[in-house]
Amino acid sequence: MPPVMSKLLGWPFNAIFFLLILAVLLWLFENPAEIQAQPTDQNLSAEQAETLVEEEMLKCSQHFNPAGCTEQASRIFLSQMTYDQLMGSLKTVTKNPVVYEICHPLVHFIGRASYKQERNMEKLFATDGSVCDSGFYHGVIEQNLAERGIIIFQDEQAKSFQGVTDICGSIADYSIPLRYSSCIHGLGHGLMYVTDNDLPISLKGCDTIRGASTCYGGVFMENAGSTTNPFHYSKYLRDDDPLYPCNNINDKYELACWRYQSLHFARLTNRDWARTIEMCLQIPDSFQGTCIQFVGSNLINYSEDANLMKSVLTQVPSQYQPQYITGLVSGLGEDNVGVPAKMKVVCDFLEGTNLENGCYKDMGVAIRAWSFDSAERLNFCEENLTGVNLETCASAAIANFESYFYRVFSTIEDLTYFKLE
């Protein structure tokens, strides 16, 4: 505004003008500009799709409102390419750690949008949404919860929930066992979404369902990663007390809390894995192994470089190295359903060590979640293995489902809910 006009109009006008500008900026913060969208075109080549996804995600990583930008990007992608193209592109471009950092919230948004369109849980969970830590399934659950309306009751003892107990059904409703556990885990994310990241209330919601401990994992993953909105930092995290809230929580929640607190440790250390492991060693002894296991699972989301995995292994105390390997293998198995060669990379660099046999057992455990058919699970082991390694993988792969979920979630109380009905 010219100086003369400013003097003529005086301070009241200037104050109003400032407030108007502030209001516009706040609106833009919540509503990223639609001009970013491009004309609909479902005929992109694989290379064009990957380029589009990477370019938009890199823009969002620099945006003053990355959450809003990422939500807008999800609309762009869904208008520009098929779901399969998008998921295939993400599997490629998320090897860039900058892209991966906001990949999980992106697929949350895609999951929500997909549920709005399909409104069919069974159909959506039958698709491959494992990329970016299975955030697609978490988003589906979030939208389902938001639309069905969760009722929270307050009595003299505690808050309780109505409307969440039947969302995931039974394991027999799913195409593969892993999808069922993804639903239970995703329910924890969804409860955090509809309660505005209220950790205690969300945990109470998990207490009302079958497989509560797996649901706790979704709650604590959401808390530690603030995945659905990087600008909505959880009040149940403290930079000056990195062990909080796990050092001040009911005993029954401790295991899940410490497991996912490693995500918070990784953020505080800027993914310096040696320092992250050191932080795991500051927690109570009985939970250090599970914390380090999830360091492995988290690491492979940023890199599948065998040299890096092997290098970090040298930083892990020997007593916890088996858990670290389990984390690597299980993470690779969940992100690459049907591709056992991805997990074998870990076992290859362990050849001749005392960790080799356990690695092939971990492979079999992960494969157990890929199919209800024991013959098909055996075939996955046979794709890449021979001799004693094949025997080890096969023995674990064809074992019962109860032991699979015990190995992955370490929660005896959940086992009866993962049986075939």
Protein backbone atom coordinates (compact mmCIF):
# COMPACT_ATOMS: atom_id res chain seq x y z
CA MET A 1 0.00 0.00 0.00
CA PRO A 2 1.45 3.44 -0.88
CA PRO A 3 2.65 5.40 2.20
CA VAL A 4 0.30 8.33 1.51
CA MET A 5 -2.78 6.08 1.38
CA SER A 6 -1.66 4.34 4.54
CA LYS A 7 -1.48 7.67 6.37
CA LEU A 8 -4.88 8.73 5.05
CA LEU A 9 -6.62 5.55 6.09
CA GLY A 10 -4.90 5.35 9.48
CA TRP A 11 -4.16 2.47 11.83
CA PRO A 12 -7.69 0.99 12.05
CA PHE A 13 -7.64 0.19 8.35
CA ASN A 14 -4.12 -1.19 8.61
CA ALA A 15 -5.20 -3.49 11.45
CA ILE A 16 -8.19 -4.76 9.48
CA PHE A 17 -6.04 -5.23 6.39
CA PHE A 18 -3.54 -7.26 8.46
CA LEU A 19 -6.31 -9.44 9.89
CA LEU A 20 -7.68 -10.10 6.40
CA ILE A 21 -4.25 -11.19 5.17
CA LEU A 22 -3.86 -13.41 8.24
CA ALA A 23 -7.25 -15.01 7.58
CA VAL A 24 -6.29 -15.74 3.97
CA LEU A 25 -3.02 -17.33 5.07
CA LEU A 26 -4.81 -19.50 7.62
CA TRP A 27 -7.30 -20.61 4.96
CA LEU A 28 -4.45 -21.53 2.64
CA PHE A 29 -2.81 -23.45 5.46
CA GLU A 30 -5.91 -25.61 5.86
CA ASN A 31 -6.78 -25.69 2.14
CA PRO A 32 -3.75 -26.03 -0.16
CA ALA A 33 -4.32 -24.45 -3.52
CA GLU A 34 -6.35 -26.48 -6.00
CA ILE A 35 -4.28 -25.01 -8.83
CA GLN A 36 -1.73 -27.72 -8.10
CA ALA A 37 -4.08 -30.30 -9.66
CA GLN A 38 -3.60 -31.36 -13.26
CA PRO A 39 -6.10 -32.60 -15.88
CA THR A 40 -7.29 -36.17 -15.44
CA ASP A 41 -5.24 -38.68 -17.42
CA GLN A 42 -5.39 -42.39 -16.65
CA ASN A 43 -2.86 -43.27 -19.37
CA LEU A 44 0.42 -42.34 -17.74
CA SER A 45 3.36 -44.63 -18.35
CA ALA A 46 5.05 -46.21 -15.32
CA GLU A 47 7.94 -43.76 -15.66
CA GLN A 48 5.61 -40.75 -15.92
CA ALA A 49 3.66 -41.92 -12.87
CA GLU A 50 6.82 -42.32 -10.80
CA THR A 51 8.07 -38.89 -11.87
CA LEU A 52 4.77 -37.24 -10.95
CA VAL A 53 4.64 -38.92 -7.55
CA GLU A 54 8.23 -38.08 -6.67
CA GLU A 55 7.98 -34.46 -7.83
CA GLU A 56 4.78 -33.76 -5.89
CA MET A 57 6.05 -35.48 -2.75
CA LEU A 58 9.31 -33.53 -2.85
CA LYS A 59 7.26 -30.32 -3.16
CA CYS A 60 5.25 -31.31 -0.10
CA SER A 61 8.39 -32.03 1.91
CA GLN A 62 9.29 -28.33 1.50
CA HIS A 63 5.74 -26.99 1.89
CA PHE A 64 4.91 -24.85 4.95
CA ASN A 65 1.90 -27.14 5.46
CA PRO A 66 3.16 -30.62 4.47
CA ALA A 67 0.03 -32.35 5.80
CA GLY A 68 -2.32 -30.24 3.69
CA CYS A 69 -0.03 -30.49 0.69
CA THR A 70 0.15 -34.28 1.03
CA GLU A 71 -3.63 -34.55 1.18
CA GLN A 72 -3.88 -32.44 -1.97
CA ALA A 73 -1.22 -34.61 -3.63
CA SER A 74 -3.31 -37.70 -2.91
CA ARG A 75 -6.15 -36.13 -4.91
CA ILE A 76 -3.81 -35.36 -7.78
CA PHE A 77 -2.48 -38.90 -7.89
CA LEU A 78 -5.91 -40.50 -7.75
CA SER A 79 -7.04 -38.30 -10.64
CA GLN A 80 -3.93 -38.97 -12.71
CA MET A 81 -3.39 -42.72 -12.40
CA THR A 82 -4.89 -46.02 -11.35
CA TYR A 83 -4.55 -47.32 -7.83
CA ASP A 84 -2.15 -50.05 -8.97
CA GLN A 85 0.02 -47.47 -10.77
CA LEU A 86 0.11 -45.30 -7.68
CA MET A 87 1.10 -48.12 -5.33
CA GLY A 88 3.71 -49.37 -7.80
CA SER A 89 5.16 -45.87 -8.10
CA LEU A 90 5.33 -45.46 -4.34
CA LYS A 91 7.25 -48.72 -3.95
CA THR A 92 9.90 -47.24 -6.23
CA VAL A 93 10.12 -43.59 -5.19
CA THR A 94 9.94 -44.16 -1.43
CA LYS A 95 13.52 -45.39 -1.51
CA ASN A 96 14.21 -41.66 -1.41
CA PRO A 97 14.14 -41.04 2.38
CA VAL A 98 12.71 -37.54 1.89
CA VAL A 99 9.73 -39.02 0.05
CA TYR A 100 9.34 -41.85 2.53
CA GLU A 101 9.14 -39.39 5.42
CA ILE A 102 5.68 -38.26 4.27
CA CYS A 103 4.66 -41.42 2.45
CA HIS A 104 2.75 -42.96 5.35
CA PRO A 105 0.42 -39.96 5.82
CA LEU A 106 -0.09 -39.87 2.04
CA VAL A 107 -1.45 -43.41 1.92
CA HIS A 108 -3.60 -42.68 4.98
CA PHE A 109 -5.30 -40.02 2.85
CA ILE A 110 -5.58 -42.42 -0.09
CA GLY A 111 -7.16 -45.03 2.19
CA ARG A 112 -9.73 -42.52 3.42
CA ALA A 113 -10.56 -41.43 -0.12
CA SER A 114 -10.86 -45.03 -1.27
CA TYR A 115 -13.29 -45.88 1.51
CA LYS A 116 -15.42 -42.85 0.65
CA GLN A 117 -15.66 -44.15 -2.89
CA GLU A 118 -16.03 -47.90 -2.29
CA ARG A 119 -17.48 -48.20 1.24
CA ASN A 120 -16.47 -51.84 1.14
CA MET A 121 -13.96 -52.93 3.79
CA GLU A 122 -13.63 -56.47 2.43
CA LYS A 123 -12.81 -55.26 -1.09
CA LEU A 124 -10.30 -52.65 0.07
CA PHE A 125 -8.46 -55.02 2.39
CA ALA A 126 -8.19 -57.52 -0.45
CA THR A 127 -5.99 -55.06 -2.36
CA ASP A 128 -2.24 -54.75 -1.82
CA GLY A 129 -1.86 -51.70 0.39
CA SER A 130 1.26 -52.80 2.21
CA VAL A 131 3.50 -50.02 0.84
CA CYS A 132 4.47 -47.25 3.27
CA ASP A 133 3.86 -49.28 6.44
CA SER A 134 0.35 -50.30 5.34
CA GLY A 135 -0.94 -46.77 5.88
CA PHE A 136 -3.61 -47.37 3.22
CA TYR A 137 -5.40 -49.83 5.49
CA HIS A 138 -5.08 -47.44 8.41
CA GLY A 139 -6.76 -44.71 6.36
CA VAL A 140 -9.60 -47.06 5.38
CA ILE A 141 -10.27 -47.78 9.05
CA GLU A 142 -10.07 -44.08 9.96
CA GLN A 143 -12.75 -43.16 7.43
CA ASN A 144 -14.90 -46.09 8.46
CA LEU A 145 -14.80 -44.97 12.09
CA ALA A 146 -15.43 -41.34 11.16
CA GLU A 147 -18.54 -42.24 9.15
CA ARG A 148 -20.11 -44.79 11.47
CA GLY A 149 -19.90 -42.46 14.47
CA ILE A 150 -18.19 -43.74 17.59
CA ILE A 151 -20.05 -43.23 20.85
CA ILE A 152 -17.87 -42.65 23.91
CA PHE A 153 -19.51 -43.30 27.28
CA GLN A 154 -18.20 -41.85 30.52
CA ASP A 155 -18.91 -43.63 33.77
CA GLU A 156 -17.33 -43.51 37.20
CA GLN A 157 -14.59 -45.97 36.22
CA ALA A 158 -13.47 -45.17 32.70
CA LYS A 159 -14.48 -44.28 29.19
CA SER A 160 -15.93 -47.07 27.06
CA PHE A 161 -16.85 -47.33 23.40
CA GLN A 162 -19.77 -48.46 21.30
CA GLY A 163 -19.37 -49.07 17.59
CA VAL A 164 -15.85 -50.49 17.24
CA THR A 165 -16.08 -54.12 18.33
CA ASP A 166 -17.23 -55.61 15.01
CA ILE A 167 -15.32 -53.52 12.48
CA CYS A 168 -12.66 -56.08 11.56
CA GLY A 169 -14.82 -59.19 11.72
CA SER A 170 -12.82 -62.45 11.84
CA ILE A 171 -9.69 -63.70 10.14
CA ALA A 172 -11.78 -65.84 7.77
CA ASP A 173 -13.12 -62.64 6.19
CA TYR A 174 -9.72 -61.77 4.66
CA SER A 175 -7.78 -62.89 1.62
CA ILE A 176 -4.60 -63.44 3.64
CA PRO A 177 -3.94 -63.53 7.42
CA LEU A 178 -1.78 -60.40 7.31
CA ARG A 179 -4.76 -58.28 6.24
CA TYR A 180 -6.62 -59.18 9.41
CA SER A 181 -3.81 -58.07 11.69
CA SER A 182 -3.51 -54.91 9.55
CA CYS A 183 -7.17 -54.16 10.26
CA ILE A 184 -6.80 -54.66 14.02
CA HIS A 185 -3.64 -52.54 14.03
CA GLY A 186 -5.29 -49.94 11.79
CA LEU A 187 -8.14 -49.66 14.25
CA GLY A 188 -5.68 -48.20 16.72
CA HIS A 189 -4.74 -45.54 14.16
CA GLY A 190 -8.41 -44.90 13.49
CA LEU A 191 -9.22 -44.38 17.15
CA MET A 192 -6.46 -41.79 17.41
CA TYR A 193 -7.90 -40.10 14.31
CA VAL A 194 -11.47 -39.81 15.59
CA THR A 195 -10.42 -38.84 19.15
CA ASP A 196 -8.03 -36.12 17.97
CA ASN A 197 -4.93 -38.03 19.14
CA ASP A 198 -6.26 -38.67 22.64
CA LEU A 199 -3.99 -41.52 23.70
CA PRO A 200 -5.78 -42.67 26.89
CA ILE A 201 -9.23 -42.69 25.25
CA SER A 202 -7.91 -44.53 22.19
CA LEU A 203 -6.37 -47.24 24.36
CA LYS A 204 -9.69 -47.64 26.15
CA GLY A 205 -11.28 -48.11 22.74
CA CYS A 206 -8.82 -50.90 21.98
CA ASP A 207 -9.74 -52.55 25.27
CA THR A 208 -13.25 -53.17 23.94
CA ILE A 209 -12.20 -55.25 20.92
CA ARG A 210 -10.82 -58.70 20.20
CA GLY A 211 -7.06 -58.58 19.73
CA ALA A 212 -6.65 -55.49 21.90
CA SER A 213 -2.85 -55.67 22.10
CA THR A 214 -2.48 -55.44 18.32
CA CYS A 215 -4.78 -52.41 18.38
CA TYR A 216 -2.53 -50.83 21.03
CA GLY A 217 0.29 -51.02 18.48
CA GLY A 218 -1.67 -48.82 16.07
CA VAL A 219 -2.36 -46.29 18.81
CA PHE A 220 1.30 -46.05 19.85
CA MET A 221 2.55 -46.01 16.25
CA GLU A 222 0.23 -43.08 15.56
CA ASN A 223 1.38 -41.36 18.73
CA ALA A 224 5.09 -41.87 18.08
CA GLY A 225 4.94 -40.96 14.41
CA SER A 226 2.10 -38.41 14.33
CA THR A 227 1.53 -40.00 10.94
CA THR A 228 -1.76 -38.55 9.79
CA ASN A 229 -0.76 -34.94 10.38
CA PRO A 230 2.88 -33.92 10.86
CA PHE A 231 1.68 -30.50 12.07
CA HIS A 232 -0.50 -32.07 14.77
CA TYR A 233 2.25 -33.16 17.13
CA SER A 234 0.99 -35.46 19.86
CA LYS A 235 0.83 -33.99 23.34
CA TYR A 236 1.79 -37.44 24.59
CA LEU A 237 5.38 -37.04 23.38
CA ARG A 238 8.11 -34.95 25.00
CA ASP A 239 11.41 -34.09 23.40
CA ASP A 240 12.89 -33.40 26.83
CA ASP A 241 11.71 -36.79 28.10
CA PRO A 242 12.07 -39.24 25.19
CA LEU A 243 10.84 -42.17 27.32
CA TYR A 244 7.43 -40.57 27.85
CA PRO A 245 4.65 -41.80 27.84
CA CYS A 246 5.99 -45.36 28.20
CA ASN A 247 7.63 -44.53 31.55
CA ASN A 248 4.28 -43.43 32.95
CA ILE A 249 1.67 -45.85 31.67
CA ASN A 250 -0.40 -48.83 32.79
CA ASP A 251 1.58 -52.09 32.72
CA LYS A 252 -0.67 -53.76 30.16
CA TYR A 253 0.19 -51.11 27.57
CA GLU A 254 3.95 -51.09 28.17
CA LEU A 255 5.04 -53.68 25.60
CA ALA A 256 3.28 -51.97 22.69
CA CYS A 257 4.39 -48.55 23.88
CA TRP A 258 8.11 -49.37 24.08
CA ARG A 259 7.95 -51.22 20.77
CA TYR A 260 6.80 -48.15 18.85
CA GLN A 261 8.70 -45.61 20.94
CA SER A 262 11.66 -46.55 18.76
CA LEU A 263 9.97 -44.49 16.01
CA HIS A 264 10.17 -41.47 18.29
CA PHE A 265 13.80 -42.24 19.10
CA ALA A 266 14.59 -42.41 15.37
CA ARG A 267 13.00 -39.00 14.83
CA LEU A 268 14.94 -37.45 17.73
CA THR A 269 18.23 -38.81 16.35
CA ASN A 270 17.37 -37.95 12.74
CA ARG A 271 17.58 -41.67 11.94
CA ASP A 272 21.07 -42.08 13.31
CA TRP A 273 20.55 -45.79 13.89
CA ALA A 274 23.46 -46.25 16.30
CA ARG A 275 22.11 -43.47 18.54
CA THR A 276 18.58 -44.85 18.19
CA ILE A 277 19.82 -48.21 19.44
CA GLU A 278 21.54 -46.46 22.34
CA MET A 279 18.20 -44.91 23.30
CA CYS A 280 16.56 -48.36 23.23
CA LEU A 281 19.20 -49.45 25.73
CA GLN A 282 18.04 -46.74 28.17
CA ILE A 283 14.59 -48.30 28.63
CA PRO A 284 13.77 -51.13 31.09
CA ASP A 285 15.76 -54.28 30.31
CA SER A 286 12.74 -56.45 29.59
CA PHE A 287 11.66 -54.19 26.70
CA GLN A 288 15.02 -53.42 25.08
CA GLY A 289 14.81 -56.34 22.65
CA THR A 290 11.40 -55.38 21.27
CA CYS A 291 12.54 -51.77 20.88
CA ILE A 292 15.58 -52.87 18.86
CA GLN A 293 13.42 -55.24 16.81
CA PHE A 294 11.39 -52.27 15.62
CA VAL A 295 14.55 -50.32 14.86
CA GLY A 296 15.11 -53.02 12.22
CA SER A 297 11.55 -52.75 10.91
CA ASN A 298 11.84 -48.97 10.74
CA LEU A 299 15.23 -48.99 9.03
CA ILE A 300 14.10 -51.01 5.99
CA ASN A 301 11.43 -48.40 5.30
CA TYR A 302 14.21 -45.94 4.53
CA SER A 303 16.64 -48.28 2.84
CA GLU A 304 16.85 -51.89 1.70
CA ASP A 305 20.60 -51.59 1.25
CA ALA A 306 22.11 -54.81 2.61
CA ASN A 307 25.35 -53.01 3.47
CA LEU A 308 23.48 -50.56 5.70
CA MET A 309 21.53 -53.35 7.42
CA LYS A 310 24.77 -55.22 8.03
CA SER A 311 26.55 -52.10 9.29
CA VAL A 312 23.80 -51.31 11.82
CA LEU A 313 23.90 -54.93 13.01
CA THR A 314 27.42 -54.30 14.31
CA GLN A 315 26.00 -51.55 16.57
CA VAL A 316 23.49 -53.91 18.20
CA PRO A 317 24.56 -55.74 21.38
CA SER A 318 24.96 -59.44 20.62
CA GLN A 319 22.09 -60.51 22.88
CA TYR A 320 19.67 -58.40 20.83
CA GLN A 321 20.96 -59.15 17.35
CA PRO A 322 18.35 -61.90 16.74
CA GLN A 323 15.56 -59.40 17.47
CA TYR A 324 17.10 -56.85 15.11
CA ILE A 325 17.19 -59.49 12.34
CA THR A 326 13.57 -60.41 13.07
CA GLY A 327 12.68 -56.74 12.64
CA LEU A 328 14.42 -56.52 9.28
CA VAL A 329 12.88 -59.73 7.94
CA SER A 330 9.35 -59.14 9.23
CA GLY A 331 9.36 -55.58 7.90
CA LEU A 332 10.50 -56.73 4.48
CA GLY A 333 7.90 -59.49 4.55
CA GLU A 334 5.04 -57.15 5.36
CA ASP A 335 6.07 -54.63 2.69
CA ASN A 336 6.74 -57.21 -0.03
CA VAL A 337 3.98 -59.81 0.21
CA GLY A 338 4.66 -62.73 -2.14
CA VAL A 339 8.31 -61.80 -2.78
CA PRO A 340 10.49 -63.95 -0.47
CA ALA A 341 13.67 -62.89 -2.27
CA LYS A 342 13.42 -59.52 -0.49
CA MET A 343 13.84 -61.21 2.88
CA LYS A 344 16.54 -63.58 1.67
CA VAL A 345 18.84 -60.59 1.16
CA VAL A 346 19.16 -60.38 4.95
CA CYS A 347 19.88 -64.10 5.36
CA ASP A 348 22.51 -63.92 2.60
CA PHE A 349 24.74 -61.51 4.51
CA LEU A 350 24.40 -63.69 7.61
CA GLU A 351 25.75 -66.79 5.87
CA GLY A 352 28.05 -68.77 8.14
CA THR A 353 27.08 -66.84 11.28
CA ASN A 354 25.09 -68.04 14.27
CA LEU A 355 22.23 -65.78 13.11
CA GLU A 356 21.72 -67.48 9.74
CA ASN A 357 19.36 -70.23 10.87
CA GLY A 358 17.17 -67.81 12.81
CA CYS A 359 16.91 -65.59 9.76
CA TYR A 360 15.45 -68.40 7.64
CA LYS A 361 13.05 -69.20 10.45
CA ASP A 362 12.00 -65.53 10.46
CA MET A 363 11.41 -65.84 6.71
CA GLY A 364 9.05 -68.73 7.28
CA VAL A 365 7.23 -66.87 10.05
CA ALA A 366 6.67 -63.88 7.75
CA ILE A 367 5.50 -66.15 4.90
CA ARG A 368 2.95 -67.67 7.26
CA ALA A 369 1.01 -64.41 7.05
CA TRP A 370 0.85 -64.49 3.24
CA SER A 371 -1.57 -67.36 2.72
CA PHE A 372 -4.10 -69.64 4.41
CA ASP A 373 -2.87 -72.50 2.21
CA SER A 374 0.09 -74.39 3.73
CA ALA A 375 1.09 -75.74 0.30
CA GLU A 376 1.31 -72.21 -1.07
CA ARG A 377 3.39 -71.11 1.91
CA LEU A 378 5.74 -74.02 1.27
CA ASN A 379 6.07 -72.95 -2.37
CA PHE A 380 7.21 -69.49 -1.29
CA CYS A 381 10.08 -71.08 0.66
CA GLU A 382 10.96 -73.29 -2.30
CA GLU A 383 11.30 -70.32 -4.67
CA ASN A 384 14.77 -69.35 -3.46
CA LEU A 385 15.96 -71.93 -0.97
CA THR A 386 17.40 -75.44 -0.86
CA GLY A 387 18.77 -77.86 1.71
CA VAL A 388 18.71 -77.04 5.40
CA ASN A 389 17.69 -73.41 4.77
CA LEU A 390 14.60 -74.61 2.91
CA GLU A 391 13.78 -77.02 5.74
CA THR A 392 14.05 -74.24 8.33
CA CYS A 393 11.88 -71.85 6.34
CA ALA A 394 9.31 -74.51 5.50
CA SER A 395 9.01 -75.72 9.09
CA ALA A 396 8.16 -72.20 10.24
CA ALA A 397 5.96 -71.40 7.24
CA ILE A 398 3.59 -74.33 7.63
CA ALA A 399 3.19 -74.03 11.40
CA ASN A 400 -0.10 -72.87 12.88
CA PHE A 401 -1.36 -69.30 12.78
CA GLU A 402 -1.43 -68.91 16.54
CA SER A 403 2.36 -69.19 16.75
CA TYR A 404 2.69 -66.68 13.88
CA PHE A 405 0.79 -64.00 15.73
CA TYR A 406 2.52 -64.82 19.00
CA ARG A 407 5.90 -64.35 17.30
CA VAL A 408 4.93 -61.07 15.67
CA PHE A 409 2.84 -59.46 18.37
CA SER A 410 4.11 -61.31 21.46
CA THR A 411 0.69 -61.13 23.07
CA ILE A 412 -0.68 -64.39 24.42
CA GLU A 413 -4.04 -62.79 25.18
CA ASP A 414 -4.62 -62.17 21.45
CA LEU A 415 -3.98 -65.67 20.20
CA THR A 416 -7.54 -66.96 20.40
CA TYR A 417 -8.70 -64.17 18.10
CA PHE A 418 -6.44 -65.12 15.22
CA LYS A 419 -7.77 -68.64 14.74
CA LEU A 420 -9.68 -69.66 11.64
CA GLU A 421 -13.35 -69.95 12.46
